[in-house]
Amino acid sequence: MKSDTIPGSRSLLVLSCVLAASAAPARSTRDAPEPPGQYLAHPVYESIYSCSEHASGSLGALGDDLGQDCLIQEFVESDGRLFLRAFRNDGYSNTDWYGWNQPVLSPCDCTVREIRLNPATNEPGILGKPPASAIELEAADGTRVTLVHIQDPVVREGDTVRAGQQLARVGNNGYSRSPHVHIGAWRDGEPLQIRWDPRAIPEP
């Protein structure tokens, strides 16, 4: 991504965060009269997970805007009560995180367009440096989907993959503080809001 395509001081943040394949900034969705378009995605994990959404316009590049950061969680017992948590112990080690090195699944029937890798691994709680490792996919209708902060891809550029097929494993690299996967989608220059296919969401 060329940082000069992103206005102001956000360029380094956006480049670091997701390393979206497109150099073009997203068309603003903040003041659009209609809600953003949606993209129905197959879950990217086999396990229970939760995602936080990027606010519209908070990050201005395709793949960033309206994207989500998704963490695997597990139920942990404490004094007879169950809590969903993202890590065991103090979380200071990547292996403390339940998502670390877990399979990352394809959100779509797609073609693998690009794979970019950063061999550096971050320590939890310490923000890493760009670039982030990423896989970019393209669906038959032209929708692009990027999965970021991955490691150990098991597919190659040009491969055709099915929704739910393993693509890589969860890493912690680039502009990241913990093992997770960022997902973003766009079509024809318009960022899309991710919605998860409820028929395929893992049951607790």
N, C-alpha and C. Protein backbone atom coordinates (compact mmCIF):
# COMPACT_ATOMS: atom_id res chain seq x y z
N MET A 1 0.84 -1.19 0.00
CA MET A 1 0.00 0.00 0.00
C MET A 1 0.88 1.23 0.00
N LYS A 2 0.55 2.24 -0.79
CA LYS A 2 1.29 3.48 -0.81
C LYS A 2 0.69 4.43 0.21
N SER A 3 1.52 4.89 1.13
CA SER A 3 0.97 5.73 2.20
C SER A 3 0.49 7.07 1.68
N ASP A 4 1.00 7.53 0.48
CA ASP A 4 0.59 8.84 0.01
C ASP A 4 -0.83 8.85 -0.54
N THR A 5 -1.49 7.70 -0.58
CA THR A 5 -2.88 7.67 -1.02
C THR A 5 -3.84 7.86 0.13
N ILE A 6 -3.34 7.94 1.35
CA ILE A 6 -4.19 8.06 2.53
C ILE A 6 -3.92 9.41 3.17
N PRO A 7 -4.92 10.25 3.32
CA PRO A 7 -4.68 11.61 3.78
C PRO A 7 -4.26 11.69 5.24
N GLY A 8 -3.44 12.70 5.52
CA GLY A 8 -3.12 13.05 6.89
C GLY A 8 -2.29 12.04 7.63
N SER A 9 -2.39 12.09 8.96
CA SER A 9 -1.54 11.28 9.82
C SER A 9 -2.02 9.85 9.95
N ARG A 10 -3.13 9.48 9.29
CA ARG A 10 -3.64 8.13 9.40
C ARG A 10 -2.84 7.14 8.57
N SER A 11 -1.99 7.62 7.67
CA SER A 11 -1.36 6.73 6.70
C SER A 11 -0.57 5.62 7.36
N LEU A 12 0.27 5.95 8.35
CA LEU A 12 1.06 4.91 9.00
C LEU A 12 0.17 3.94 9.76
N LEU A 13 -0.85 4.44 10.44
CA LEU A 13 -1.76 3.57 11.19
C LEU A 13 -2.44 2.58 10.26
N VAL A 14 -2.96 3.07 9.14
CA VAL A 14 -3.68 2.19 8.23
C VAL A 14 -2.74 1.18 7.60
N LEU A 15 -1.57 1.63 7.16
CA LEU A 15 -0.59 0.72 6.57
C LEU A 15 -0.22 -0.36 7.54
N SER A 16 0.01 0.02 8.79
CA SER A 16 0.44 -0.93 9.78
C SER A 16 -0.65 -1.93 10.12
N CYS A 17 -1.88 -1.45 10.17
CA CYS A 17 -2.96 -2.28 10.70
C CYS A 17 -3.30 -3.45 9.82
N VAL A 18 -3.58 -3.21 8.56
CA VAL A 18 -4.04 -4.32 7.76
C VAL A 18 -3.30 -4.55 6.48
N LEU A 19 -2.50 -3.61 6.03
CA LEU A 19 -1.77 -3.80 4.79
C LEU A 19 -2.72 -4.24 3.69
N ALA A 20 -3.80 -3.49 3.52
CA ALA A 20 -4.78 -3.82 2.48
C ALA A 20 -4.12 -3.76 1.12
N ALA A 21 -4.57 -4.64 0.21
CA ALA A 21 -3.92 -4.77 -1.08
C ALA A 21 -4.16 -3.55 -1.96
N SER A 22 -5.33 -2.95 -1.87
CA SER A 22 -5.64 -1.83 -2.74
C SER A 22 -4.99 -0.56 -2.23
N ALA A 23 -4.38 0.22 -3.14
CA ALA A 23 -3.78 1.49 -2.76
C ALA A 23 -4.83 2.58 -2.61
N ALA A 24 -6.03 2.36 -3.12
CA ALA A 24 -7.06 3.39 -3.11
C ALA A 24 -7.71 3.50 -1.75
N PRO A 25 -7.98 4.73 -1.31
CA PRO A 25 -8.75 4.88 -0.08
C PRO A 25 -10.19 4.46 -0.30
N ALA A 26 -10.83 4.05 0.78
CA ALA A 26 -12.25 3.68 0.69
C ALA A 26 -13.09 4.93 0.51
N ARG A 27 -14.19 4.78 -0.20
CA ARG A 27 -15.15 5.87 -0.26
C ARG A 27 -15.78 6.02 1.11
N SER A 28 -15.92 7.24 1.57
CA SER A 28 -16.41 7.47 2.92
C SER A 28 -17.81 6.89 3.11
N THR A 29 -17.97 6.17 4.22
CA THR A 29 -19.29 5.62 4.56
C THR A 29 -19.92 6.35 5.74
N ARG A 30 -19.18 7.27 6.35
CA ARG A 30 -19.66 7.92 7.58
C ARG A 30 -20.92 8.73 7.34
N ASP A 31 -20.96 9.49 6.25
CA ASP A 31 -22.09 10.39 6.02
C ASP A 31 -22.99 9.91 4.88
N ALA A 32 -22.84 8.66 4.46
CA ALA A 32 -23.67 8.15 3.38
C ALA A 32 -25.12 8.07 3.84
N PRO A 33 -26.09 8.40 2.96
CA PRO A 33 -27.51 8.38 3.36
C PRO A 33 -28.04 6.98 3.62
N GLU A 34 -27.46 5.98 2.98
CA GLU A 34 -27.91 4.61 3.14
C GLU A 34 -26.90 3.81 3.96
N PRO A 35 -27.36 2.77 4.67
CA PRO A 35 -26.41 1.92 5.39
C PRO A 35 -25.42 1.28 4.41
N PRO A 36 -24.24 0.91 4.89
CA PRO A 36 -23.27 0.30 3.99
C PRO A 36 -23.75 -1.07 3.51
N GLY A 37 -23.24 -1.48 2.35
CA GLY A 37 -23.52 -2.81 1.88
C GLY A 37 -22.95 -3.85 2.82
N GLN A 38 -23.49 -5.05 2.76
CA GLN A 38 -23.06 -6.10 3.68
C GLN A 38 -22.46 -7.27 2.91
N TYR A 39 -21.60 -7.99 3.60
CA TYR A 39 -20.99 -9.18 3.03
C TYR A 39 -21.21 -10.34 3.99
N LEU A 40 -21.87 -11.40 3.53
CA LEU A 40 -22.14 -12.56 4.36
C LEU A 40 -20.94 -13.51 4.28
N ALA A 41 -20.28 -13.70 5.41
CA ALA A 41 -19.04 -14.47 5.44
C ALA A 41 -19.20 -15.76 6.23
N HIS A 42 -18.56 -16.79 5.77
CA HIS A 42 -18.43 -18.02 6.55
C HIS A 42 -17.51 -17.71 7.73
N PRO A 43 -17.77 -18.26 8.91
CA PRO A 43 -16.89 -18.01 10.06
C PRO A 43 -15.43 -18.34 9.74
N VAL A 44 -14.54 -17.52 10.27
CA VAL A 44 -13.11 -17.72 10.00
C VAL A 44 -12.45 -18.66 11.01
N TYR A 45 -13.20 -19.08 12.03
CA TYR A 45 -12.68 -20.01 13.02
C TYR A 45 -13.66 -21.17 13.22
N GLU A 46 -13.13 -22.28 13.66
CA GLU A 46 -13.96 -23.42 14.06
C GLU A 46 -14.47 -23.25 15.48
N SER A 47 -13.84 -22.39 16.25
CA SER A 47 -14.14 -22.22 17.68
C SER A 47 -15.02 -20.99 17.89
N ILE A 48 -15.49 -20.83 19.13
CA ILE A 48 -16.22 -19.63 19.52
C ILE A 48 -15.29 -18.42 19.40
N TYR A 49 -15.83 -17.34 18.86
CA TYR A 49 -15.02 -16.12 18.78
C TYR A 49 -15.91 -14.90 18.83
N SER A 50 -15.28 -13.77 19.09
CA SER A 50 -15.99 -12.49 19.07
C SER A 50 -15.17 -11.51 18.26
N CYS A 51 -15.86 -10.51 17.70
CA CYS A 51 -15.19 -9.52 16.85
C CYS A 51 -15.56 -8.11 17.29
N SER A 52 -14.63 -7.21 17.14
CA SER A 52 -14.91 -5.78 17.31
C SER A 52 -14.83 -5.13 15.94
N GLU A 53 -15.77 -4.24 15.66
CA GLU A 53 -15.85 -3.62 14.34
C GLU A 53 -15.12 -2.29 14.32
N HIS A 54 -14.50 -2.00 13.18
CA HIS A 54 -13.92 -0.68 12.97
C HIS A 54 -15.05 0.29 12.64
N ALA A 55 -15.07 1.40 13.33
CA ALA A 55 -16.10 2.41 13.06
C ALA A 55 -15.96 2.94 11.65
N SER A 56 -17.09 3.25 11.03
CA SER A 56 -17.08 3.79 9.68
C SER A 56 -16.22 5.05 9.62
N GLY A 57 -15.25 5.04 8.71
CA GLY A 57 -14.40 6.20 8.52
C GLY A 57 -13.23 6.30 9.47
N SER A 58 -13.13 5.43 10.48
CA SER A 58 -12.03 5.54 11.43
C SER A 58 -10.69 5.17 10.81
N LEU A 59 -10.72 4.25 9.87
CA LEU A 59 -9.54 3.89 9.09
C LEU A 59 -9.97 3.94 7.63
N GLY A 60 -9.21 4.69 6.82
CA GLY A 60 -9.75 5.09 5.53
C GLY A 60 -9.39 4.27 4.33
N ALA A 61 -8.80 3.09 4.49
CA ALA A 61 -8.40 2.32 3.31
C ALA A 61 -9.30 1.11 3.12
N LEU A 62 -9.41 0.66 1.91
CA LEU A 62 -10.15 -0.56 1.63
C LEU A 62 -9.49 -1.72 2.38
N GLY A 63 -10.33 -2.53 3.02
CA GLY A 63 -9.82 -3.60 3.88
C GLY A 63 -9.77 -3.18 5.33
N ASP A 64 -9.65 -1.88 5.58
CA ASP A 64 -9.68 -1.34 6.94
C ASP A 64 -11.08 -0.89 7.31
N ASP A 65 -11.65 0.01 6.49
CA ASP A 65 -12.93 0.61 6.80
C ASP A 65 -14.00 -0.48 6.92
N LEU A 66 -14.73 -0.47 8.02
CA LEU A 66 -15.79 -1.43 8.36
C LEU A 66 -15.26 -2.84 8.63
N GLY A 67 -13.94 -2.98 8.75
CA GLY A 67 -13.37 -4.29 9.05
C GLY A 67 -13.64 -4.72 10.49
N GLN A 68 -13.26 -5.96 10.81
CA GLN A 68 -13.44 -6.49 12.15
C GLN A 68 -12.16 -7.19 12.61
N ASP A 69 -11.92 -7.12 13.92
CA ASP A 69 -10.82 -7.85 14.56
C ASP A 69 -11.43 -8.96 15.40
N CYS A 70 -11.04 -10.21 15.10
CA CYS A 70 -11.73 -11.37 15.67
C CYS A 70 -10.80 -12.21 16.55
N LEU A 71 -11.26 -12.47 17.79
CA LEU A 71 -10.51 -13.22 18.79
C LEU A 71 -11.23 -14.51 19.14
N ILE A 72 -10.50 -15.62 19.14
CA ILE A 72 -11.05 -16.88 19.65
C ILE A 72 -11.15 -16.80 21.17
N GLN A 73 -12.24 -17.35 21.71
CA GLN A 73 -12.44 -17.38 23.16
C GLN A 73 -12.82 -18.78 23.61
N GLU A 74 -12.61 -19.04 24.87
CA GLU A 74 -13.03 -20.31 25.48
C GLU A 74 -13.69 -20.03 26.82
N PHE A 75 -14.58 -20.95 27.22
CA PHE A 75 -15.18 -20.85 28.54
C PHE A 75 -14.16 -21.30 29.58
N VAL A 76 -13.99 -20.48 30.61
CA VAL A 76 -13.06 -20.76 31.69
C VAL A 76 -13.83 -20.80 33.00
N GLU A 77 -13.64 -21.87 33.77
CA GLU A 77 -14.33 -22.02 35.06
C GLU A 77 -13.57 -21.31 36.16
N SER A 78 -14.31 -20.57 36.98
CA SER A 78 -13.71 -19.90 38.13
C SER A 78 -14.73 -19.90 39.26
N ASP A 79 -14.42 -20.63 40.34
CA ASP A 79 -15.30 -20.71 41.50
C ASP A 79 -16.72 -21.13 41.10
N GLY A 80 -16.80 -22.12 40.23
CA GLY A 80 -18.09 -22.64 39.83
C GLY A 80 -18.83 -21.81 38.80
N ARG A 81 -18.18 -20.75 38.29
CA ARG A 81 -18.79 -19.91 37.27
C ARG A 81 -18.00 -20.02 35.98
N LEU A 82 -18.70 -19.84 34.85
CA LEU A 82 -18.05 -19.91 33.55
C LEU A 82 -17.98 -18.53 32.92
N PHE A 83 -16.81 -18.19 32.43
CA PHE A 83 -16.59 -16.91 31.77
C PHE A 83 -15.92 -17.16 30.42
N LEU A 84 -16.32 -16.38 29.41
CA LEU A 84 -15.63 -16.43 28.13
C LEU A 84 -14.40 -15.54 28.21
N ARG A 85 -13.26 -16.14 27.89
CA ARG A 85 -12.01 -15.39 27.96
C ARG A 85 -11.16 -15.67 26.73
N ALA A 86 -10.30 -14.71 26.40
CA ALA A 86 -9.46 -14.84 25.21
C ALA A 86 -8.10 -15.46 25.52
N PHE A 87 -7.70 -15.46 26.81
CA PHE A 87 -6.38 -16.01 27.13
C PHE A 87 -6.39 -16.60 28.53
N ARG A 88 -5.42 -17.47 28.77
CA ARG A 88 -5.18 -18.06 30.09
C ARG A 88 -4.01 -17.32 30.74
N ASN A 89 -3.81 -17.60 32.01
CA ASN A 89 -2.69 -16.99 32.75
C ASN A 89 -2.74 -15.47 32.63
N ASP A 90 -1.58 -14.83 32.41
CA ASP A 90 -1.55 -13.37 32.33
C ASP A 90 -1.61 -12.85 30.90
N GLY A 91 -1.58 -13.77 29.92
CA GLY A 91 -1.66 -13.34 28.52
C GLY A 91 -0.37 -12.78 27.96
N TYR A 92 0.72 -12.87 28.71
CA TYR A 92 1.98 -12.27 28.26
C TYR A 92 2.68 -13.09 27.18
N SER A 93 2.27 -14.32 27.02
CA SER A 93 2.86 -15.18 25.99
C SER A 93 1.82 -15.44 24.90
N ASN A 94 2.25 -15.52 23.66
CA ASN A 94 1.31 -15.82 22.58
C ASN A 94 0.60 -17.15 22.83
N THR A 95 1.30 -18.11 23.42
CA THR A 95 0.69 -19.42 23.68
C THR A 95 -0.37 -19.36 24.76
N ASP A 96 -0.44 -18.27 25.54
CA ASP A 96 -1.52 -18.08 26.51
C ASP A 96 -2.86 -17.83 25.81
N TRP A 97 -2.81 -17.34 24.59
CA TRP A 97 -4.02 -16.93 23.88
C TRP A 97 -4.64 -18.13 23.19
N TYR A 98 -5.94 -18.33 23.41
CA TYR A 98 -6.61 -19.51 22.87
C TYR A 98 -6.60 -19.53 21.35
N GLY A 99 -6.51 -18.37 20.72
CA GLY A 99 -6.49 -18.31 19.27
C GLY A 99 -5.15 -18.60 18.64
N TRP A 100 -4.08 -18.49 19.39
CA TRP A 100 -2.74 -18.59 18.83
C TRP A 100 -2.56 -19.88 18.02
N ASN A 101 -2.16 -19.73 16.79
CA ASN A 101 -1.81 -20.84 15.90
C ASN A 101 -3.02 -21.72 15.53
N GLN A 102 -4.24 -21.25 15.81
CA GLN A 102 -5.43 -22.00 15.44
C GLN A 102 -5.72 -21.82 13.94
N PRO A 103 -6.42 -22.77 13.31
CA PRO A 103 -6.70 -22.64 11.88
C PRO A 103 -7.55 -21.40 11.55
N VAL A 104 -7.19 -20.75 10.46
CA VAL A 104 -7.96 -19.65 9.91
C VAL A 104 -8.67 -20.17 8.67
N LEU A 105 -10.00 -20.03 8.63
CA LEU A 105 -10.81 -20.61 7.57
C LEU A 105 -11.20 -19.56 6.53
N SER A 106 -11.39 -20.01 5.31
CA SER A 106 -11.82 -19.10 4.25
C SER A 106 -13.24 -18.62 4.51
N PRO A 107 -13.49 -17.31 4.37
CA PRO A 107 -14.84 -16.79 4.55
C PRO A 107 -15.72 -16.95 3.32
N CYS A 108 -15.16 -17.50 2.22
CA CYS A 108 -15.90 -17.50 0.96
C CYS A 108 -15.37 -18.58 0.02
N ASP A 109 -16.17 -18.86 -1.01
CA ASP A 109 -15.66 -19.58 -2.18
C ASP A 109 -14.93 -18.53 -3.01
N CYS A 110 -13.62 -18.61 -3.06
CA CYS A 110 -12.82 -17.51 -3.59
C CYS A 110 -11.57 -18.02 -4.29
N THR A 111 -10.89 -17.08 -4.92
CA THR A 111 -9.56 -17.31 -5.48
C THR A 111 -8.55 -16.55 -4.63
N VAL A 112 -7.43 -17.18 -4.31
CA VAL A 112 -6.37 -16.52 -3.56
C VAL A 112 -5.62 -15.60 -4.51
N ARG A 113 -5.74 -14.30 -4.30
CA ARG A 113 -5.11 -13.33 -5.19
C ARG A 113 -3.71 -12.92 -4.75
N GLU A 114 -3.49 -12.83 -3.44
CA GLU A 114 -2.18 -12.36 -2.98
C GLU A 114 -1.93 -12.86 -1.56
N ILE A 115 -0.68 -13.23 -1.30
CA ILE A 115 -0.24 -13.60 0.05
C ILE A 115 0.99 -12.77 0.36
N ARG A 116 0.99 -12.09 1.50
CA ARG A 116 2.14 -11.29 1.94
C ARG A 116 2.50 -11.74 3.35
N LEU A 117 3.78 -11.94 3.59
CA LEU A 117 4.21 -12.49 4.88
C LEU A 117 5.23 -11.60 5.55
N ASN A 118 5.08 -11.48 6.87
CA ASN A 118 6.05 -10.81 7.73
C ASN A 118 6.50 -11.85 8.76
N PRO A 119 7.77 -12.27 8.74
CA PRO A 119 8.21 -13.33 9.64
C PRO A 119 8.31 -12.91 11.10
N ALA A 120 8.23 -11.60 11.39
CA ALA A 120 8.35 -11.14 12.78
C ALA A 120 7.10 -11.53 13.56
N THR A 121 7.28 -11.87 14.84
CA THR A 121 6.17 -12.20 15.73
C THR A 121 6.17 -11.23 16.90
N ASN A 122 5.03 -10.62 17.17
CA ASN A 122 4.91 -9.65 18.26
C ASN A 122 4.76 -10.34 19.61
N GLU A 123 5.13 -9.62 20.66
CA GLU A 123 4.83 -10.05 22.02
C GLU A 123 3.48 -9.47 22.41
N PRO A 124 2.62 -10.27 23.05
CA PRO A 124 1.31 -9.75 23.45
C PRO A 124 1.43 -8.48 24.30
N GLY A 125 0.55 -7.54 24.01
CA GLY A 125 0.53 -6.29 24.74
C GLY A 125 1.47 -5.24 24.20
N ILE A 126 2.31 -5.61 23.23
CA ILE A 126 3.27 -4.67 22.65
C ILE A 126 2.93 -4.51 21.17
N LEU A 127 2.61 -3.29 20.76
CA LEU A 127 2.20 -3.04 19.40
C LEU A 127 3.37 -3.27 18.44
N GLY A 128 3.14 -4.11 17.44
CA GLY A 128 4.16 -4.42 16.47
C GLY A 128 4.27 -3.38 15.37
N LYS A 129 5.18 -3.64 14.44
CA LYS A 129 5.44 -2.72 13.34
C LYS A 129 4.98 -3.34 12.02
N PRO A 130 4.65 -2.49 11.07
CA PRO A 130 4.24 -3.00 9.76
C PRO A 130 5.43 -3.63 9.03
N PRO A 131 5.11 -4.45 8.03
CA PRO A 131 3.79 -4.78 7.52
C PRO A 131 3.21 -5.98 8.25
N ALA A 132 1.94 -6.25 8.03
CA ALA A 132 1.29 -7.43 8.59
C ALA A 132 1.21 -8.52 7.53
N SER A 133 1.23 -9.76 7.97
CA SER A 133 1.00 -10.87 7.05
C SER A 133 -0.47 -10.91 6.66
N ALA A 134 -0.76 -11.20 5.39
CA ALA A 134 -2.14 -11.13 4.93
C ALA A 134 -2.38 -12.05 3.74
N ILE A 135 -3.63 -12.49 3.62
CA ILE A 135 -4.11 -13.22 2.46
C ILE A 135 -5.27 -12.43 1.88
N GLU A 136 -5.21 -12.13 0.58
CA GLU A 136 -6.32 -11.45 -0.07
C GLU A 136 -7.02 -12.42 -1.02
N LEU A 137 -8.36 -12.42 -0.92
CA LEU A 137 -9.20 -13.33 -1.70
C LEU A 137 -10.11 -12.52 -2.62
N GLU A 138 -10.58 -13.17 -3.69
CA GLU A 138 -11.55 -12.54 -4.57
C GLU A 138 -12.66 -13.53 -4.89
N ALA A 139 -13.91 -13.11 -4.66
CA ALA A 139 -15.07 -13.93 -4.96
C ALA A 139 -15.49 -13.72 -6.41
N ALA A 140 -16.40 -14.57 -6.90
CA ALA A 140 -16.82 -14.53 -8.29
C ALA A 140 -17.48 -13.20 -8.66
N ASP A 141 -18.12 -12.53 -7.70
CA ASP A 141 -18.78 -11.26 -7.99
C ASP A 141 -17.84 -10.06 -7.88
N GLY A 142 -16.55 -10.31 -7.69
CA GLY A 142 -15.57 -9.24 -7.59
C GLY A 142 -15.31 -8.75 -6.19
N THR A 143 -16.03 -9.26 -5.20
CA THR A 143 -15.77 -8.87 -3.81
C THR A 143 -14.37 -9.30 -3.41
N ARG A 144 -13.65 -8.40 -2.78
CA ARG A 144 -12.33 -8.70 -2.24
C ARG A 144 -12.43 -8.83 -0.72
N VAL A 145 -11.74 -9.82 -0.18
CA VAL A 145 -11.72 -10.04 1.26
C VAL A 145 -10.28 -10.22 1.68
N THR A 146 -9.88 -9.53 2.73
CA THR A 146 -8.52 -9.67 3.23
C THR A 146 -8.54 -10.22 4.66
N LEU A 147 -7.64 -11.13 4.94
CA LEU A 147 -7.44 -11.70 6.28
C LEU A 147 -6.02 -11.36 6.70
N VAL A 148 -5.89 -10.71 7.84
CA VAL A 148 -4.62 -10.10 8.23
C VAL A 148 -4.16 -10.61 9.59
N HIS A 149 -2.84 -10.60 9.80
CA HIS A 149 -2.15 -11.07 11.01
C HIS A 149 -2.07 -12.59 11.04
N ILE A 150 -2.17 -13.21 9.86
CA ILE A 150 -2.10 -14.67 9.78
C ILE A 150 -0.64 -15.12 9.82
N GLN A 151 -0.45 -16.43 9.91
CA GLN A 151 0.87 -17.03 9.76
C GLN A 151 0.70 -18.42 9.15
N ASP A 152 1.80 -18.96 8.63
CA ASP A 152 1.85 -20.33 8.10
C ASP A 152 0.73 -20.64 7.11
N PRO A 153 0.63 -19.89 6.00
CA PRO A 153 -0.41 -20.19 5.02
C PRO A 153 -0.25 -21.59 4.43
N VAL A 154 -1.37 -22.23 4.14
CA VAL A 154 -1.35 -23.57 3.56
C VAL A 154 -1.92 -23.54 2.14
N VAL A 155 -2.14 -22.35 1.59
CA VAL A 155 -2.58 -22.18 0.22
C VAL A 155 -1.57 -21.31 -0.52
N ARG A 156 -1.70 -21.26 -1.84
CA ARG A 156 -0.82 -20.45 -2.66
C ARG A 156 -1.62 -19.50 -3.53
N GLU A 157 -0.96 -18.45 -4.00
CA GLU A 157 -1.61 -17.51 -4.89
C GLU A 157 -2.11 -18.25 -6.13
N GLY A 158 -3.34 -17.97 -6.52
CA GLY A 158 -3.95 -18.63 -7.66
C GLY A 158 -4.82 -19.80 -7.30
N ASP A 159 -4.71 -20.30 -6.04
CA ASP A 159 -5.54 -21.42 -5.61
C ASP A 159 -7.01 -21.00 -5.54
N THR A 160 -7.89 -21.95 -5.84
CA THR A 160 -9.33 -21.78 -5.61
C THR A 160 -9.67 -22.47 -4.30
N VAL A 161 -10.36 -21.76 -3.41
CA VAL A 161 -10.67 -22.30 -2.08
C VAL A 161 -12.17 -22.24 -1.85
N ARG A 162 -12.64 -23.11 -0.97
CA ARG A 162 -14.04 -23.16 -0.60
C ARG A 162 -14.24 -22.52 0.77
N ALA A 163 -15.44 -22.00 1.00
CA ALA A 163 -15.76 -21.46 2.33
C ALA A 163 -15.57 -22.53 3.38
N GLY A 164 -14.86 -22.19 4.45
CA GLY A 164 -14.59 -23.13 5.53
C GLY A 164 -13.29 -23.89 5.37
N GLN A 165 -12.61 -23.74 4.23
CA GLN A 165 -11.33 -24.41 4.00
C GLN A 165 -10.22 -23.68 4.75
N GLN A 166 -9.29 -24.41 5.34
CA GLN A 166 -8.20 -23.76 6.06
C GLN A 166 -7.28 -23.03 5.10
N LEU A 167 -6.94 -21.78 5.47
CA LEU A 167 -6.03 -20.96 4.68
C LEU A 167 -4.68 -20.79 5.35
N ALA A 168 -4.69 -20.68 6.67
CA ALA A 168 -3.46 -20.34 7.41
C ALA A 168 -3.72 -20.62 8.89
N ARG A 169 -2.90 -20.00 9.73
CA ARG A 169 -3.09 -20.08 11.17
C ARG A 169 -3.04 -18.67 11.77
N VAL A 170 -3.59 -18.55 12.97
CA VAL A 170 -3.64 -17.25 13.65
C VAL A 170 -2.24 -16.84 14.09
N GLY A 171 -1.85 -15.63 13.74
CA GLY A 171 -0.56 -15.10 14.15
C GLY A 171 -0.71 -13.83 14.97
N ASN A 172 0.39 -13.17 15.16
CA ASN A 172 0.43 -11.88 15.88
C ASN A 172 1.58 -11.10 15.27
N ASN A 173 1.29 -10.36 14.23
CA ASN A 173 2.34 -9.62 13.52
C ASN A 173 1.77 -8.32 12.98
N GLY A 174 2.64 -7.44 12.53
CA GLY A 174 2.19 -6.15 12.04
C GLY A 174 1.64 -5.29 13.17
N TYR A 175 0.66 -4.46 12.84
CA TYR A 175 0.09 -3.52 13.81
C TYR A 175 -0.91 -4.26 14.67
N SER A 176 -0.40 -5.05 15.61
CA SER A 176 -1.23 -5.95 16.42
C SER A 176 -0.63 -6.07 17.80
N ARG A 177 -1.51 -6.28 18.79
CA ARG A 177 -1.05 -6.48 20.17
C ARG A 177 -1.32 -7.88 20.69
N SER A 178 -2.08 -8.68 19.93
CA SER A 178 -2.44 -10.01 20.43
C SER A 178 -2.77 -10.91 19.24
N PRO A 179 -2.73 -12.23 19.44
CA PRO A 179 -3.08 -13.14 18.36
C PRO A 179 -4.55 -12.99 17.98
N HIS A 180 -4.80 -12.62 16.74
CA HIS A 180 -6.16 -12.46 16.24
C HIS A 180 -6.09 -12.37 14.72
N VAL A 181 -7.25 -12.31 14.09
CA VAL A 181 -7.32 -12.10 12.66
C VAL A 181 -8.22 -10.90 12.38
N HIS A 182 -7.73 -10.03 11.51
CA HIS A 182 -8.55 -8.93 11.00
C HIS A 182 -9.15 -9.37 9.68
N ILE A 183 -10.42 -9.06 9.47
CA ILE A 183 -11.07 -9.33 8.19
C ILE A 183 -11.70 -8.05 7.67
N GLY A 184 -11.53 -7.79 6.39
CA GLY A 184 -12.16 -6.65 5.74
C GLY A 184 -12.64 -7.06 4.36
N ALA A 185 -13.70 -6.41 3.87
CA ALA A 185 -14.25 -6.74 2.56
C ALA A 185 -14.67 -5.46 1.84
N TRP A 186 -14.56 -5.49 0.51
CA TRP A 186 -14.99 -4.36 -0.30
C TRP A 186 -15.31 -4.83 -1.71
N ARG A 187 -16.10 -4.02 -2.41
CA ARG A 187 -16.45 -4.31 -3.80
C ARG A 187 -16.62 -2.99 -4.54
N ASP A 188 -15.98 -2.88 -5.70
CA ASP A 188 -16.07 -1.68 -6.54
C ASP A 188 -15.74 -0.41 -5.75
N GLY A 189 -14.72 -0.49 -4.89
CA GLY A 189 -14.30 0.67 -4.13
C GLY A 189 -15.15 1.00 -2.93
N GLU A 190 -16.16 0.18 -2.63
CA GLU A 190 -17.04 0.42 -1.50
C GLU A 190 -16.76 -0.58 -0.39
N PRO A 191 -16.42 -0.09 0.81
CA PRO A 191 -16.24 -1.02 1.93
C PRO A 191 -17.56 -1.68 2.30
N LEU A 192 -17.48 -2.94 2.71
CA LEU A 192 -18.67 -3.70 3.06
C LEU A 192 -18.63 -4.09 4.54
N GLN A 193 -19.79 -4.09 5.16
CA GLN A 193 -19.90 -4.50 6.56
C GLN A 193 -19.97 -6.03 6.61
N ILE A 194 -19.12 -6.64 7.43
CA ILE A 194 -19.09 -8.09 7.55
C ILE A 194 -20.28 -8.56 8.38
N ARG A 195 -20.97 -9.56 7.87
CA ARG A 195 -21.99 -10.26 8.63
C ARG A 195 -21.69 -11.75 8.53
N TRP A 196 -21.83 -12.47 9.65
CA TRP A 196 -21.45 -13.87 9.70
C TRP A 196 -22.63 -14.76 9.40
N ASP A 197 -22.41 -15.77 8.57
CA ASP A 197 -23.47 -16.70 8.19
C ASP A 197 -23.89 -17.49 9.43
N PRO A 198 -25.10 -17.27 9.97
CA PRO A 198 -25.51 -17.92 11.22
C PRO A 198 -25.65 -19.42 11.10
N ARG A 199 -25.78 -19.92 9.87
CA ARG A 199 -25.91 -21.37 9.68
C ARG A 199 -24.59 -22.08 9.93
N ALA A 200 -23.49 -21.35 9.89
CA ALA A 200 -22.18 -21.97 10.04
C ALA A 200 -21.45 -21.53 11.30
N ILE A 201 -22.04 -20.66 12.10
CA ILE A 201 -21.39 -20.19 13.33
C ILE A 201 -21.26 -21.35 14.31
N PRO A 202 -20.08 -21.54 14.89
CA PRO A 202 -19.91 -22.63 15.86
C PRO A 202 -20.85 -22.49 17.05
N GLU A 203 -21.40 -23.60 17.52
CA GLU A 203 -22.25 -23.58 18.70
C GLU A 203 -21.39 -23.60 19.96
N PRO A 204 -21.83 -22.90 21.02
CA PRO A 204 -21.06 -22.88 22.28
C PRO A 204 -20.96 -24.29 22.88
